[in-house]
Amino acid sequence: MKTLTGFLSTSEYKRALVRGAVRGATRNLRHHRTGSCNICGKPTLFVCTDHVAARNNMYCLFCRSSSRKRHVAQALPRELAPEVSNIAMVPRIGSRPRIFSASIDDAFQRVLHDYEHFFCSDLLPEVAPGTEVEERVFCQNLERLTFPDQSFDVVITEDVLEHVKYHERAFTEVHRVLSDGGIHIFTVPFVFDLPTIVRVEAETDRFLLPPEYHGDSLRGKILAYRTFGIDMYEVLENIGFHTSVAFSRLKDLRFGIVDSYVFISRKR
């Protein structure tokens, strides 16, 4: 069986990201900030590599989390245990929440890799969905998750669902694997004053707009099928979620969280 390390160590894209980050950090020195990381829990320096798109960088020196990931992290204890100040403390929560994140080799995995109720996945090339490539690390297709019903209390997806061909199937699958009252914390590109912008017709793979690709650590780049809009709320309501959105605030700068929004859907 190929290990997770085997998938990641050959990524030219990932090495290019590191080189670009070093150059960006030098150019953006005045945008770096000191603070406390709400994932690893350490006093740190948040390194800005691109101030225009700061939500996708502002990296913690220790766990390498981005601003966007720390905003997701902020929502998790707020919903589960307000007394918990960072993700490293999650294993101490008495309820022992079961968490599934649709990302691998990220700050959540680095901090929670020894927590027996944390699971993560990606859609790995040439690996059958459902395969466990390392302990609690899976290949999963969000449209057809292999986990049993009500497996998790929290599901996390970050800028993933715009790349899923049939996003309503993915939302339905997330709802299925969540416990009653469980939460889906997620980020997607979103326009707050328009319906969803469909870029690719899913049934035929016909481009309706010029193709848009986003960077991906495993595949180099990945096609975006849509930019979500206000009709997403109705889709989620019909599936069985109550959804709210949390915007970053000025006081969140102490956690290196800037220019960000996170959706929280609770299973009814």
Protein backbone atom coordinates (compact mmCIF):
# COMPACT_ATOMS: atom_id res chain seq x y z
CA MET A 1 0.00 0.00 0.00
CA LYS A 2 1.32 3.43 -0.91
CA THR A 3 1.71 5.67 2.11
CA LEU A 4 0.58 9.27 2.42
CA THR A 5 4.22 10.35 2.44
CA GLY A 6 4.64 8.65 -0.93
CA PHE A 7 1.86 10.72 -2.43
CA LEU A 8 3.16 14.04 -1.11
CA SER A 9 6.93 13.75 -1.44
CA THR A 10 6.86 13.76 -5.25
CA SER A 11 4.76 16.91 -5.59
CA GLU A 12 6.57 19.49 -7.71
CA TYR A 13 3.66 21.81 -7.12
CA LYS A 14 4.25 21.68 -3.36
CA ARG A 15 7.94 22.49 -3.75
CA ALA A 16 7.08 25.39 -6.03
CA LEU A 17 4.66 26.67 -3.37
CA VAL A 18 7.45 26.69 -0.81
CA ARG A 19 9.77 28.63 -3.12
CA GLY A 20 7.02 31.12 -3.89
CA ALA A 21 6.17 31.47 -0.20
CA VAL A 22 9.76 32.39 0.66
CA ARG A 23 9.81 35.09 -2.00
CA GLY A 24 6.36 36.33 -0.95
CA ALA A 25 7.30 36.47 2.73
CA THR A 26 10.26 38.70 1.89
CA ARG A 27 8.11 41.07 -0.16
CA ASN A 28 5.37 41.24 2.51
CA LEU A 29 7.44 41.78 5.66
CA ARG A 30 5.30 44.68 6.86
CA HIS A 31 2.17 42.50 6.80
CA HIS A 32 3.53 39.82 9.16
CA ARG A 33 1.85 39.75 12.57
CA THR A 34 2.58 38.31 15.99
CA GLY A 35 -0.15 36.57 17.91
CA SER A 36 -1.39 33.26 19.24
CA CYS A 37 -2.31 30.33 17.00
CA ASN A 38 -5.74 28.83 17.77
CA ILE A 39 -4.71 25.52 16.19
CA CYS A 40 -1.37 24.59 17.78
CA GLY A 41 -1.90 26.96 20.74
CA LYS A 42 1.56 28.56 20.54
CA PRO A 43 2.63 32.24 20.53
CA THR A 44 3.81 32.70 16.97
CA LEU A 45 4.55 34.88 13.99
CA PHE A 46 1.96 34.82 11.21
CA VAL A 47 3.90 35.08 7.96
CA CYS A 48 2.17 36.89 5.11
CA THR A 49 3.19 35.79 1.61
CA ASP A 50 0.49 37.70 -0.30
CA HIS A 51 -1.40 40.52 1.42
CA VAL A 52 -4.03 40.66 -1.36
CA ALA A 53 -5.10 37.05 -0.66
CA ALA A 54 -4.15 36.92 3.01
CA ARG A 55 -6.93 34.47 3.96
CA ASN A 56 -4.98 31.78 2.09
CA ASN A 57 -1.65 32.46 3.81
CA MET A 58 -0.62 34.27 7.04
CA TYR A 59 1.09 31.01 7.98
CA CYS A 60 1.80 30.06 11.59
CA LEU A 61 5.51 29.35 12.00
CA PHE A 62 4.82 26.19 14.03
CA CYS A 63 1.83 24.32 12.56
CA ARG A 64 1.88 26.14 9.17
CA SER A 65 -1.85 26.83 9.37
CA SER A 66 -3.31 29.52 7.13
CA SER A 67 -5.68 32.32 8.08
CA ARG A 68 -8.60 30.43 6.51
CA LYS A 69 -7.83 27.26 8.45
CA ARG A 70 -7.62 29.16 11.74
CA HIS A 71 -11.02 30.72 11.02
CA VAL A 72 -12.43 27.20 10.60
CA ALA A 73 -10.66 26.25 13.84
CA GLN A 74 -12.29 29.18 15.60
CA ALA A 75 -15.75 27.87 14.70
CA LEU A 76 -15.09 24.35 15.96
CA PRO A 77 -14.61 24.95 19.72
CA ARG A 78 -17.25 27.69 19.65
CA GLU A 79 -19.79 25.05 18.59
CA LEU A 80 -18.50 22.17 20.73
CA ALA A 81 -16.78 23.54 23.82
CA PRO A 82 -16.35 27.31 24.30
CA GLU A 83 -13.81 26.75 27.08
CA VAL A 84 -11.35 25.26 24.55
CA SER A 85 -9.07 27.97 23.16
CA ASN A 86 -7.23 25.99 20.48
CA ILE A 87 -7.48 22.79 18.46
CA ALA A 88 -4.61 21.15 20.36
CA MET A 89 -6.97 21.05 23.36
CA VAL A 90 -9.73 19.12 21.53
CA PRO A 91 -8.63 15.71 22.91
CA ARG A 92 -9.42 17.08 26.39
CA ILE A 93 -13.08 17.74 25.56
CA GLY A 94 -15.11 15.38 27.72
CA SER A 95 -17.52 14.48 24.91
CA ARG A 96 -14.63 13.19 22.76
CA PRO A 97 -16.02 14.58 19.47
CA ARG A 98 -15.55 12.53 16.31
CA ILE A 99 -14.06 14.77 13.61
CA PHE A 100 -13.64 14.16 9.87
CA SER A 101 -11.67 16.61 7.73
CA ALA A 102 -11.59 16.37 3.93
CA SER A 103 -7.94 17.50 3.84
CA ILE A 104 -4.67 15.71 4.49
CA ASP A 105 -1.17 16.85 5.43
CA ASP A 106 -2.51 20.05 6.98
CA ALA A 107 -2.36 21.76 10.37
CA PHE A 108 -5.37 19.86 11.72
CA GLN A 109 -3.75 16.54 10.96
CA ARG A 110 -0.40 17.67 12.35
CA VAL A 111 -1.97 18.74 15.65
CA LEU A 112 -4.57 15.96 16.00
CA HIS A 113 -2.69 13.01 14.48
CA ASP A 114 -2.62 11.18 17.85
CA TYR A 115 -6.30 11.87 18.63
CA GLU A 116 -8.10 8.59 17.98
CA HIS A 117 -11.35 10.29 16.97
CA PHE A 118 -9.82 12.42 14.20
CA PHE A 119 -10.08 11.15 10.62
CA CYS A 120 -9.06 12.83 7.36
CA SER A 121 -9.14 12.15 3.64
CA ASP A 122 -8.53 13.32 0.11
CA LEU A 123 -9.49 11.94 -3.29
CA LEU A 124 -6.13 10.35 -3.99
CA PRO A 125 -5.01 9.50 -7.54
CA GLU A 126 -5.21 5.80 -8.46
CA VAL A 127 -6.52 4.78 -5.03
CA ALA A 128 -9.92 3.15 -4.50
CA PRO A 129 -12.28 5.30 -2.40
CA GLY A 130 -12.56 3.90 1.08
CA THR A 131 -8.93 2.76 1.18
CA GLU A 132 -7.12 3.57 4.43
CA VAL A 133 -3.65 4.66 3.28
CA GLU A 134 -2.43 5.37 6.81
CA GLU A 135 -4.05 5.09 10.21
CA ARG A 136 -7.28 7.16 10.06
CA VAL A 137 -6.22 8.67 6.69
CA PHE A 138 -8.48 7.66 3.81
CA CYS A 139 -9.14 8.11 0.13
CA GLN A 140 -12.72 9.37 -0.02
CA ASN A 141 -15.06 10.72 -2.69
CA LEU A 142 -17.34 13.28 -1.03
CA GLU A 143 -20.17 12.30 -3.38
CA ARG A 144 -20.04 8.70 -2.09
CA LEU A 145 -18.50 8.54 1.37
CA THR A 146 -17.82 5.01 2.62
CA PHE A 147 -18.38 5.81 6.31
CA PRO A 148 -21.50 4.49 8.10
CA ASP A 149 -24.41 6.77 8.99
CA GLN A 150 -23.82 9.15 11.92
CA SER A 151 -20.07 8.43 12.09
CA PHE A 152 -19.00 11.96 13.04
CA ASP A 153 -19.94 14.94 15.17
CA VAL A 154 -18.01 17.38 12.96
CA VAL A 155 -17.18 17.37 9.25
CA ILE A 156 -14.75 19.97 7.88
CA THR A 157 -14.35 20.85 4.20
CA GLU A 158 -12.24 23.80 3.05
CA ASP A 159 -12.55 25.20 -0.48
CA VAL A 160 -13.38 21.70 -1.73
CA LEU A 161 -17.04 21.64 -2.73
CA GLU A 162 -16.62 24.00 -5.68
CA HIS A 163 -14.52 21.22 -7.24
CA VAL A 164 -17.06 18.45 -6.61
CA LYS A 165 -19.03 17.65 -9.74
CA TYR A 166 -22.35 17.01 -7.99
CA HIS A 167 -22.19 19.20 -4.91
CA GLU A 168 -25.73 18.39 -3.68
CA ARG A 169 -24.74 14.73 -3.42
CA ALA A 170 -21.73 15.77 -1.34
CA PHE A 171 -23.85 17.90 1.02
CA THR A 172 -26.29 14.99 1.36
CA GLU A 173 -23.46 12.59 2.17
CA VAL A 174 -22.08 14.96 4.80
CA HIS A 175 -25.56 15.13 6.33
CA ARG A 176 -25.76 11.32 6.36
CA VAL A 177 -22.46 10.74 8.17
CA LEU A 178 -23.12 13.45 10.79
CA SER A 179 -24.71 12.63 14.12
CA ASP A 180 -27.99 14.33 15.02
CA GLY A 181 -27.10 17.92 15.83
CA GLY A 182 -23.65 17.47 14.25
CA ILE A 183 -22.01 20.32 12.36
CA HIS A 184 -20.46 20.79 8.94
CA ILE A 185 -17.89 23.61 9.03
CA PHE A 186 -16.89 24.62 5.53
CA THR A 187 -15.51 27.29 3.23
CA VAL A 188 -16.38 27.81 -0.45
CA PRO A 189 -15.99 30.68 -2.90
CA PHE A 190 -19.25 32.59 -2.46
CA VAL A 191 -21.12 35.57 -3.86
CA PHE A 192 -23.57 36.97 -1.33
CA ASP A 193 -25.78 38.89 -3.77
CA LEU A 194 -26.16 36.42 -6.66
CA PRO A 195 -27.30 32.83 -7.28
CA THR A 196 -24.63 30.18 -7.80
CA ILE A 197 -22.45 30.84 -10.85
CA VAL A 198 -22.24 27.55 -12.77
CA ARG A 199 -18.97 27.34 -14.68
CA VAL A 200 -19.20 23.78 -15.98
CA GLU A 201 -22.34 21.79 -16.77
CA ALA A 202 -21.88 18.70 -14.64
CA GLU A 203 -23.82 16.21 -16.78
CA THR A 204 -21.92 16.95 -19.99
CA ASP A 205 -18.71 18.59 -18.69
CA ARG A 206 -19.48 21.46 -21.07
CA PHE A 207 -17.82 24.76 -20.18
CA LEU A 208 -20.40 27.53 -19.69
CA LEU A 209 -17.71 30.06 -18.73
CA PRO A 210 -13.95 30.21 -19.31
CA PRO A 211 -12.41 27.41 -17.19
CA GLU A 212 -11.21 28.34 -13.72
CA TYR A 213 -8.56 26.23 -12.01
CA HIS A 214 -7.36 26.41 -8.41
CA GLY A 215 -4.03 25.21 -7.05
CA ASP A 216 -3.97 21.73 -5.53
CA SER A 217 -1.12 20.09 -3.61
CA LEU A 218 -1.73 16.63 -5.11
CA ARG A 219 -2.82 17.42 -8.66
CA GLY A 220 -1.15 20.75 -9.35
CA LYS A 221 -4.44 22.35 -10.38
CA ILE A 222 -8.09 21.39 -10.16
CA LEU A 223 -11.17 22.55 -12.07
CA ALA A 224 -13.80 24.69 -10.30
CA TYR A 225 -17.35 23.74 -11.33
CA ARG A 226 -19.02 26.69 -9.65
CA THR A 227 -18.90 29.73 -7.41
CA PHE A 228 -21.60 29.30 -4.79
CA GLY A 229 -24.33 31.87 -4.29
CA ILE A 230 -27.34 32.62 -2.09
CA ASP A 231 -29.36 29.64 -3.38
CA MET A 232 -26.92 27.39 -1.48
CA TYR A 233 -28.87 28.15 1.71
CA GLU A 234 -32.07 26.68 0.22
CA VAL A 235 -30.19 23.59 -0.97
CA LEU A 236 -28.85 23.00 2.52
CA GLU A 237 -32.22 23.68 4.16
CA ASN A 238 -33.89 21.08 1.90
CA ILE A 239 -31.21 18.51 2.79
CA GLY A 240 -31.78 19.06 6.50
CA PHE A 241 -29.27 21.69 7.65
CA HIS A 242 -29.62 25.02 9.40
CA THR A 243 -26.79 27.21 8.08
CA SER A 244 -25.14 30.38 9.34
CA VAL A 245 -22.04 32.30 8.30
CA ALA A 246 -19.30 33.76 10.50
CA PHE A 247 -17.23 36.68 9.22
CA SER A 248 -13.77 37.51 10.52
CA ARG A 249 -13.59 40.55 12.79
CA LEU A 250 -10.93 43.08 13.67
CA LYS A 251 -10.23 41.37 17.02
CA ASP A 252 -9.46 38.12 15.15
CA LEU A 253 -6.19 39.67 13.96
CA ARG A 254 -4.58 38.39 17.16
CA PHE A 255 -5.08 34.89 15.72
CA GLY A 256 -3.84 35.92 12.28
CA ILE A 257 -7.37 35.65 10.84
CA VAL A 258 -8.07 38.20 8.13
CA ASP A 259 -10.65 38.78 5.39
CA SER A 260 -12.42 35.46 5.85
CA TYR A 261 -15.85 33.85 6.20
CA VAL A 262 -16.85 30.36 7.32
CA PHE A 263 -20.16 28.53 6.98
CA ILE A 264 -21.56 26.39 9.81
CA SER A 265 -24.36 23.95 8.96
CA ARG A 266 -26.01 22.08 11.83
CA LYS A 267 -27.87 18.84 11.09
CA ARG A 268 -31.50 19.08 12.13
